[in-house]
Amino acid sequence: MNEIPIKTACPACAGRGFAPTGEIFKLCGRVHQRVGPCQACEGKGTQLTWLDLHEFVRLLYETADNLEQV
């Protein structure tokens, strides 16, 4: 079966690629939160979702119909 990869923003880090570690540090008298790479997306900020070709075509038609109504 044919599938198409679709990139979506990582829901865990909202597409930023990093997440707070819970630690803090001081720099120049200001307190900052330490961040590290997101565990869900490995610091990429995106996740791949595989869609069946028929589902992809259905979504394209649905989007085109919504654009025509605007």
N, C-alpha and C. Protein backbone atom coordinates (compact mmCIF):
# COMPACT_ATOMS: atom_id res chain seq x y z
N MET A 1 0.84 -1.17 0.00
CA MET A 1 0.00 0.00 0.00
C MET A 1 0.89 1.25 0.00
N ASN A 2 0.48 2.27 -0.71
CA ASN A 2 1.26 3.50 -0.80
C ASN A 2 0.93 4.42 0.36
N GLU A 3 1.97 4.89 1.01
CA GLU A 3 1.79 5.84 2.11
C GLU A 3 2.68 7.05 1.87
N ILE A 4 2.22 8.19 2.38
CA ILE A 4 2.93 9.46 2.19
C ILE A 4 3.32 10.00 3.56
N PRO A 5 4.60 10.41 3.73
CA PRO A 5 4.99 11.00 5.02
C PRO A 5 4.54 12.46 5.11
N ILE A 6 3.91 12.80 6.21
CA ILE A 6 3.46 14.17 6.46
C ILE A 6 4.16 14.65 7.74
N LYS A 7 4.84 15.78 7.66
CA LYS A 7 5.49 16.34 8.85
C LYS A 7 4.50 17.23 9.60
N THR A 8 4.41 17.00 10.90
CA THR A 8 3.56 17.82 11.76
C THR A 8 4.39 18.33 12.93
N ALA A 9 3.95 19.42 13.53
CA ALA A 9 4.66 19.96 14.70
C ALA A 9 4.52 18.97 15.86
N CYS A 10 5.58 18.80 16.60
CA CYS A 10 5.59 17.90 17.75
C CYS A 10 4.65 18.46 18.82
N PRO A 11 3.68 17.67 19.30
CA PRO A 11 2.76 18.17 20.32
C PRO A 11 3.42 18.34 21.69
N ALA A 12 4.48 17.60 21.94
CA ALA A 12 5.13 17.67 23.26
C ALA A 12 5.86 19.00 23.46
N CYS A 13 6.51 19.51 22.40
CA CYS A 13 7.29 20.74 22.54
C CYS A 13 6.73 21.88 21.70
N ALA A 14 5.56 21.68 21.08
CA ALA A 14 4.90 22.69 20.23
C ALA A 14 5.79 23.12 19.07
N GLY A 15 6.60 22.20 18.56
CA GLY A 15 7.42 22.48 17.39
C GLY A 15 8.72 23.22 17.67
N ARG A 16 9.04 23.47 18.94
CA ARG A 16 10.26 24.21 19.26
C ARG A 16 11.50 23.33 19.23
N GLY A 17 11.36 22.04 19.53
CA GLY A 17 12.50 21.13 19.52
C GLY A 17 13.22 21.02 20.85
N PHE A 18 12.80 21.80 21.83
CA PHE A 18 13.42 21.71 23.15
C PHE A 18 12.33 21.77 24.21
N ALA A 19 12.66 21.24 25.38
CA ALA A 19 11.70 21.21 26.48
C ALA A 19 12.44 21.54 27.78
N PRO A 20 11.78 22.13 28.76
CA PRO A 20 12.43 22.43 30.03
C PRO A 20 12.85 21.16 30.75
N THR A 21 14.02 21.20 31.38
CA THR A 21 14.52 20.04 32.13
C THR A 21 14.14 20.10 33.59
N GLY A 22 13.66 21.23 34.06
CA GLY A 22 13.30 21.39 35.46
C GLY A 22 14.42 22.02 36.28
N GLU A 23 15.59 22.21 35.68
CA GLU A 23 16.71 22.83 36.37
C GLU A 23 16.75 24.32 36.05
N ILE A 24 17.38 25.10 36.93
CA ILE A 24 17.56 26.53 36.68
C ILE A 24 19.03 26.87 36.88
N PHE A 25 19.45 27.99 36.28
CA PHE A 25 20.80 28.48 36.47
C PHE A 25 20.79 29.99 36.44
N LYS A 26 21.81 30.59 37.03
CA LYS A 26 21.92 32.04 37.05
C LYS A 26 23.00 32.48 36.07
N LEU A 27 22.68 33.52 35.34
CA LEU A 27 23.63 34.10 34.40
C LEU A 27 23.47 35.62 34.47
N CYS A 28 24.54 36.29 34.81
CA CYS A 28 24.54 37.75 34.93
C CYS A 28 23.47 38.23 35.92
N GLY A 29 23.27 37.47 37.00
CA GLY A 29 22.32 37.86 38.03
C GLY A 29 20.87 37.54 37.73
N ARG A 30 20.60 36.93 36.57
CA ARG A 30 19.22 36.59 36.21
C ARG A 30 19.05 35.07 36.25
N VAL A 31 17.89 34.62 36.67
CA VAL A 31 17.60 33.20 36.74
C VAL A 31 16.99 32.74 35.41
N HIS A 32 17.56 31.67 34.86
CA HIS A 32 17.08 31.12 33.59
C HIS A 32 16.73 29.65 33.77
N GLN A 33 15.81 29.17 32.97
CA GLN A 33 15.42 27.78 33.02
C GLN A 33 16.26 27.00 32.01
N ARG A 34 16.81 25.87 32.44
CA ARG A 34 17.63 25.05 31.56
C ARG A 34 16.70 24.22 30.67
N VAL A 35 17.03 24.13 29.38
CA VAL A 35 16.25 23.35 28.44
C VAL A 35 17.14 22.30 27.79
N GLY A 36 16.51 21.27 27.27
CA GLY A 36 17.21 20.21 26.58
C GLY A 36 16.40 19.76 25.39
N PRO A 37 16.95 18.88 24.56
CA PRO A 37 16.20 18.41 23.40
C PRO A 37 14.93 17.66 23.81
N CYS A 38 13.89 17.85 23.07
CA CYS A 38 12.62 17.18 23.34
C CYS A 38 12.80 15.67 23.17
N GLN A 39 12.30 14.90 24.12
CA GLN A 39 12.43 13.44 24.06
C GLN A 39 11.50 12.83 23.01
N ALA A 40 10.37 13.46 22.77
CA ALA A 40 9.39 12.90 21.83
C ALA A 40 9.85 13.00 20.38
N CYS A 41 10.47 14.12 20.02
CA CYS A 41 10.88 14.33 18.62
C CYS A 41 12.39 14.36 18.44
N GLU A 42 13.13 14.08 19.51
CA GLU A 42 14.60 14.05 19.48
C GLU A 42 15.19 15.40 19.07
N GLY A 43 14.54 16.49 19.44
CA GLY A 43 15.05 17.83 19.18
C GLY A 43 14.78 18.36 17.79
N LYS A 44 14.00 17.66 16.99
CA LYS A 44 13.71 18.11 15.62
C LYS A 44 12.56 19.11 15.55
N GLY A 45 11.60 18.99 16.47
CA GLY A 45 10.44 19.88 16.46
C GLY A 45 9.32 19.39 15.57
N THR A 46 9.56 18.31 14.83
CA THR A 46 8.53 17.76 13.96
C THR A 46 8.42 16.25 14.17
N GLN A 47 7.28 15.72 13.80
CA GLN A 47 7.06 14.28 13.82
C GLN A 47 6.48 13.86 12.48
N LEU A 48 6.84 12.67 12.05
CA LEU A 48 6.30 12.15 10.80
C LEU A 48 5.03 11.37 11.07
N THR A 49 4.02 11.65 10.26
CA THR A 49 2.78 10.89 10.29
C THR A 49 2.61 10.29 8.90
N TRP A 50 2.38 9.00 8.84
CA TRP A 50 2.22 8.33 7.55
C TRP A 50 0.74 8.23 7.21
N LEU A 51 0.37 8.78 6.03
CA LEU A 51 -1.02 8.75 5.57
C LEU A 51 -1.13 7.85 4.35
N ASP A 52 -2.21 7.09 4.30
CA ASP A 52 -2.53 6.29 3.14
C ASP A 52 -2.81 7.23 1.97
N LEU A 53 -2.47 6.83 0.77
CA LEU A 53 -2.64 7.68 -0.41
C LEU A 53 -4.10 8.10 -0.58
N HIS A 54 -5.04 7.20 -0.34
CA HIS A 54 -6.47 7.54 -0.49
C HIS A 54 -6.90 8.57 0.56
N GLU A 55 -6.39 8.44 1.77
CA GLU A 55 -6.70 9.41 2.82
C GLU A 55 -6.12 10.78 2.47
N PHE A 56 -4.91 10.80 1.90
CA PHE A 56 -4.26 12.05 1.50
C PHE A 56 -5.08 12.76 0.42
N VAL A 57 -5.55 12.01 -0.58
CA VAL A 57 -6.36 12.60 -1.66
C VAL A 57 -7.67 13.14 -1.09
N ARG A 58 -8.28 12.39 -0.15
CA ARG A 58 -9.53 12.85 0.47
C ARG A 58 -9.31 14.18 1.20
N LEU A 59 -8.18 14.29 1.91
CA LEU A 59 -7.88 15.54 2.63
C LEU A 59 -7.63 16.70 1.66
N LEU A 60 -7.00 16.42 0.52
CA LEU A 60 -6.79 17.47 -0.48
C LEU A 60 -8.12 17.99 -1.02
N TYR A 61 -9.03 17.06 -1.35
CA TYR A 61 -10.34 17.49 -1.84
C TYR A 61 -11.11 18.26 -0.77
N GLU A 62 -11.02 17.81 0.46
CA GLU A 62 -11.72 18.49 1.55
C GLU A 62 -11.17 19.91 1.74
N THR A 63 -9.86 20.06 1.65
CA THR A 63 -9.25 21.38 1.77
C THR A 63 -9.65 22.29 0.60
N ALA A 64 -9.69 21.73 -0.61
CA ALA A 64 -10.07 22.51 -1.79
C ALA A 64 -11.52 22.98 -1.65
N ASP A 65 -12.39 22.12 -1.14
CA ASP A 65 -13.80 22.51 -0.95
C ASP A 65 -13.91 23.63 0.08
N ASN A 66 -13.11 23.58 1.14
CA ASN A 66 -13.15 24.62 2.16
C ASN A 66 -12.63 25.94 1.60
N LEU A 67 -11.64 25.91 0.72
CA LEU A 67 -11.11 27.14 0.12
C LEU A 67 -12.12 27.78 -0.83
N GLU A 68 -12.90 26.96 -1.53
CA GLU A 68 -13.90 27.50 -2.44
C GLU A 68 -15.01 28.21 -1.70
N GLN A 69 -15.32 27.77 -0.48
CA GLN A 69 -16.39 28.36 0.31
C GLN A 69 -15.99 29.71 0.88
N VAL A 70 -14.69 29.99 0.98
CA VAL A 70 -14.23 31.24 1.58
C VAL A 70 -14.30 32.35 0.62
